[in-house]
Protein backbone atom coordinates (compact mmCIF):
# COMPACT_ATOMS: atom_id res chain seq x y z
CA UNK A 1 -27.97 166.78 -53.34
CA UNK A 2 -25.65 168.33 -50.78
CA UNK A 3 -27.08 170.48 -47.95
CA UNK A 4 -25.15 173.66 -47.09
CA UNK A 5 -25.81 176.56 -44.75
CA UNK A 6 -28.06 178.48 -47.16
CA UNK A 7 -29.98 175.53 -48.59
CA UNK A 8 -29.59 172.51 -50.82
CA UNK A 9 -27.00 172.70 -53.61
CA UNK A 10 -27.22 170.34 -56.56
CA UNK A 11 -23.97 168.72 -57.68
CA UNK A 12 -24.06 168.85 -61.47
CA UNK A 13 -21.31 166.32 -62.15
CA UNK A 14 -18.29 164.64 -60.64
CA UNK A 15 -14.88 164.88 -62.25
CA UNK A 16 -12.75 161.82 -62.85
CA UNK A 17 -9.10 162.06 -63.87
CA UNK A 18 -8.25 160.74 -67.35
CA UNK A 19 -6.32 157.49 -67.78
CA UNK A 20 -2.97 159.17 -68.54
CA UNK A 21 -3.14 161.11 -65.26
CA UNK A 22 -4.03 157.94 -63.37
CA UNK A 23 -1.03 156.20 -64.94
CA UNK A 24 1.27 159.07 -63.89
CA UNK A 25 0.01 158.86 -60.30
CA UNK A 26 0.37 155.06 -60.28
CA UNK A 27 3.94 155.30 -61.62
CA UNK A 28 4.79 157.94 -59.00
CA UNK A 29 3.42 155.71 -56.24
CA UNK A 30 5.58 152.83 -57.50
CA UNK A 31 8.75 154.93 -57.55
CA UNK A 32 8.05 156.35 -54.08
CA UNK A 33 7.59 152.85 -52.65
CA UNK A 34 10.28 151.19 -54.74
CA UNK A 35 11.21 148.65 -52.04
CA UNK A 36 7.68 147.23 -51.78
CA UNK A 37 7.32 147.44 -55.56
CA UNK A 38 10.45 145.32 -56.03
CA UNK A 39 9.16 142.71 -53.57
CA UNK A 40 5.78 142.55 -55.32
CA UNK A 41 7.41 142.37 -58.74
CA UNK A 42 9.84 139.70 -57.54
CA UNK A 43 6.94 137.40 -56.62
CA UNK A 44 5.58 137.64 -60.14
CA UNK A 45 9.04 137.39 -61.67
CA UNK A 46 9.90 134.12 -59.89
CA UNK A 47 6.61 132.43 -60.75
CA UNK A 48 6.82 133.44 -64.41
CA UNK A 49 10.53 132.54 -64.60
CA UNK A 50 9.64 129.02 -63.49
CA UNK A 51 6.78 128.81 -66.00
CA UNK A 52 8.99 130.01 -68.85
CA UNK A 53 11.79 127.62 -67.85
CA UNK A 54 9.33 124.71 -68.08
CA UNK A 55 8.14 125.85 -71.51
CA UNK A 56 11.67 126.41 -72.81
CA UNK A 57 12.93 123.16 -71.27
CA UNK A 58 10.24 121.31 -73.20
CA UNK A 59 11.35 122.99 -76.43
CA UNK A 60 15.01 122.11 -75.74
CA UNK A 61 14.08 118.47 -75.11
CA UNK A 62 12.10 118.38 -78.34
CA UNK A 63 15.02 119.95 -80.24
CA UNK A 64 17.22 117.11 -78.93
CA UNK A 65 14.69 114.59 -80.21
CA UNK A 66 13.65 113.42 -76.74
CA UNK A 67 10.07 112.43 -75.98
CA UNK A 68 8.76 113.84 -72.70
CA UNK A 69 6.66 111.26 -70.81
CA UNK A 70 3.09 112.30 -69.89
CA UNK A 71 3.76 111.88 -66.16
CA UNK A 72 6.58 114.44 -66.40
CA UNK A 73 4.27 116.88 -68.17
CA UNK A 74 1.65 116.38 -65.43
CA UNK A 75 4.26 116.98 -62.74
CA UNK A 76 5.49 120.14 -64.47
CA UNK A 77 1.91 121.44 -64.79
CA UNK A 78 1.27 120.86 -61.09
CA UNK A 79 4.49 122.66 -60.10
CA UNK A 80 3.74 125.59 -62.39
CA UNK A 81 0.19 126.00 -61.04
CA UNK A 82 1.44 125.92 -57.44
CA UNK A 83 4.16 128.48 -58.14
CA UNK A 84 1.67 130.83 -59.81
CA UNK A 85 -0.77 130.49 -56.90
CA UNK A 86 2.00 131.36 -54.46
CA UNK A 87 2.80 134.42 -56.60
CA UNK A 88 -0.86 135.53 -56.57
CA UNK A 89 -1.07 135.18 -52.77
CA UNK A 90 2.15 137.17 -52.38
CA UNK A 91 0.92 139.96 -54.65
CA UNK A 92 -2.43 140.17 -52.84
CA UNK A 93 -0.70 140.34 -49.46
CA UNK A 94 1.71 143.02 -50.65
CA UNK A 95 -1.10 145.14 -52.11
CA UNK A 96 -3.17 144.77 -48.91
CA UNK A 97 -0.18 146.03 -46.92
CA UNK A 98 0.12 148.91 -49.38
CA UNK A 99 -3.53 149.84 -48.72
CA UNK A 100 -2.92 149.74 -44.96
CA UNK A 101 0.14 151.99 -45.26
CA UNK A 102 -1.78 154.48 -47.39
CA UNK A 103 -4.95 154.92 -45.32
CA UNK A 104 -4.46 158.67 -44.95
CA UNK A 105 -3.45 159.15 -48.58
CA UNK A 106 -6.57 157.30 -49.77
CA UNK A 107 -8.73 159.24 -47.30
CA UNK A 108 -7.28 162.55 -48.53
CA UNK A 109 -7.95 161.62 -52.17
CA UNK A 110 -11.54 160.66 -51.34
CA UNK A 111 -12.08 163.86 -49.33
CA UNK A 112 -10.83 165.83 -52.34
CA UNK A 113 -13.43 164.13 -54.51
CA UNK A 114 -11.73 161.04 -55.90
CA UNK A 115 -14.37 158.57 -57.04
CA UNK A 116 -14.34 154.95 -55.86
CA UNK A 117 -13.69 153.72 -59.40
CA UNK A 118 -10.64 156.00 -59.61
CA UNK A 119 -9.18 154.44 -56.44
CA UNK A 120 -9.78 150.97 -57.90
CA UNK A 121 -8.24 152.04 -61.21
CA UNK A 122 -5.17 153.40 -59.42
CA UNK A 123 -4.43 150.17 -57.55
CA UNK A 124 -5.10 147.98 -60.59
CA UNK A 125 -2.80 150.14 -62.72
CA UNK A 126 -0.02 149.88 -60.13
CA UNK A 127 -0.37 146.13 -59.91
CA UNK A 128 -0.64 145.78 -63.68
CA UNK A 129 2.58 147.75 -64.25
CA UNK A 130 4.44 145.71 -61.63
CA UNK A 131 3.03 142.51 -63.09
CA UNK A 132 4.04 143.42 -66.63
CA UNK A 133 7.63 144.33 -65.83
CA UNK A 134 8.02 141.46 -63.35
CA UNK A 135 6.60 138.99 -65.89
CA UNK A 136 8.78 140.29 -68.72
CA UNK A 137 11.89 140.05 -66.55
CA UNK A 138 10.95 136.59 -65.27
CA UNK A 139 10.15 135.27 -68.75
CA UNK A 140 13.49 136.48 -70.09
CA UNK A 141 15.43 135.05 -67.13
CA UNK A 142 13.68 131.67 -67.28
CA UNK A 143 13.94 131.43 -71.05
CA UNK A 144 17.60 132.47 -71.31
CA UNK A 145 18.64 130.16 -68.47
CA UNK A 146 17.10 127.13 -70.17
CA UNK A 147 18.48 128.16 -73.57
CA UNK A 148 21.98 128.17 -72.07
CA UNK A 149 21.47 124.57 -70.91
CA UNK A 150 20.60 123.56 -74.47
CA UNK A 151 23.05 125.75 -76.32
CA UNK A 152 24.09 122.89 -78.62
CA UNK A 153 20.61 122.47 -80.12
CA UNK A 154 19.58 126.10 -80.58
CA UNK A 155 19.63 125.67 -84.34
CA UNK A 156 16.83 123.09 -84.10
CA UNK A 157 14.77 125.05 -81.59
CA UNK A 158 11.23 126.10 -82.53
CA UNK A 159 11.81 129.84 -82.12
CA UNK A 160 8.24 130.69 -83.11
CA UNK A 161 6.95 128.67 -80.16
CA UNK A 162 9.59 130.23 -77.92
CA UNK A 163 8.36 133.75 -78.74
CA UNK A 164 4.75 132.63 -78.34
CA UNK A 165 5.55 131.17 -74.89
CA UNK A 166 7.32 134.41 -73.97
CA UNK A 167 4.23 136.43 -74.87
CA UNK A 168 1.92 133.97 -73.08
CA UNK A 169 4.04 134.18 -69.90
CA UNK A 170 3.99 137.99 -69.88
CA UNK A 171 0.21 138.01 -70.42
CA UNK A 172 -0.39 135.42 -67.68
CA UNK A 173 1.78 137.29 -65.18
CA UNK A 174 0.15 140.65 -65.92
CA UNK A 175 -3.39 139.27 -65.73
CA UNK A 176 -2.69 137.39 -62.49
CA UNK A 177 -1.18 140.54 -60.95
CA UNK A 178 -4.29 142.56 -61.83
CA UNK A 179 -6.63 139.84 -60.52
CA UNK A 180 -4.60 139.60 -57.29
CA UNK A 181 -5.00 143.36 -56.76
CA UNK A 182 -8.81 143.33 -57.00
CA UNK A 183 -9.50 142.55 -53.28
CA UNK A 184 -7.07 145.27 -52.02
CA UNK A 185 -8.42 147.77 -54.58
CA UNK A 186 -12.01 147.02 -53.54
CA UNK A 187 -11.07 147.46 -49.88
CA UNK A 188 -9.40 150.81 -50.60
CA UNK A 189 -12.35 152.10 -52.63
CA UNK A 190 -14.87 151.24 -49.88
CA UNK A 191 -12.87 152.93 -47.15
CA UNK A 192 -14.84 155.76 -45.43
CA UNK A 193 -12.78 158.95 -45.92
CA UNK A 194 -13.27 160.21 -42.36
CA UNK A 195 -12.17 156.90 -40.83
CA UNK A 196 -9.12 156.79 -43.10
CA UNK A 197 -8.10 160.30 -42.09
CA UNK A 198 -8.32 159.38 -38.39
CA UNK A 199 -6.20 156.21 -38.80
CA UNK A 200 -2.78 156.09 -37.20
CA UNK A 201 -0.41 153.59 -38.89
């Protein structure tokens, strides 16, 4: 119920934009802030490039007939986990800064009737797009670099596993990017519209 000058007025329903419109807005926000988008994507790209290089390096070693010792596998796993955690922290920080820069924009959207779940959806879509393209680029860079180091054994390489690792890397990077954006998206959705409109950044 909303109280107006002549009496209470019942709000029949609230309107939420469809997914395709949310994607268009998210893509526009990325292109407007291309510098920050590149920095956020670069964090994902580097972490996934390292992960893919480890996967591909293992395949190259196997194609050469070398046996990788368990301690080396444990060391590689530790390095990969650390690099992915650093990427997640970087993405979260970048998205939090994006929320801070866009206080008035978020406040305006909420004053115009944007629902909290739409604000969350918008930030998660932005982060998901950046994560996908950053992961795809990183997986290709890491994979191609390691393939060049083992160019003499490409005929013996397990290409099915290579493609599977490529897909796994892209999925991991995209999912981690979306998870990293949840705290900033939650913060943006819970922002009081009036306070956001009064903010001076």
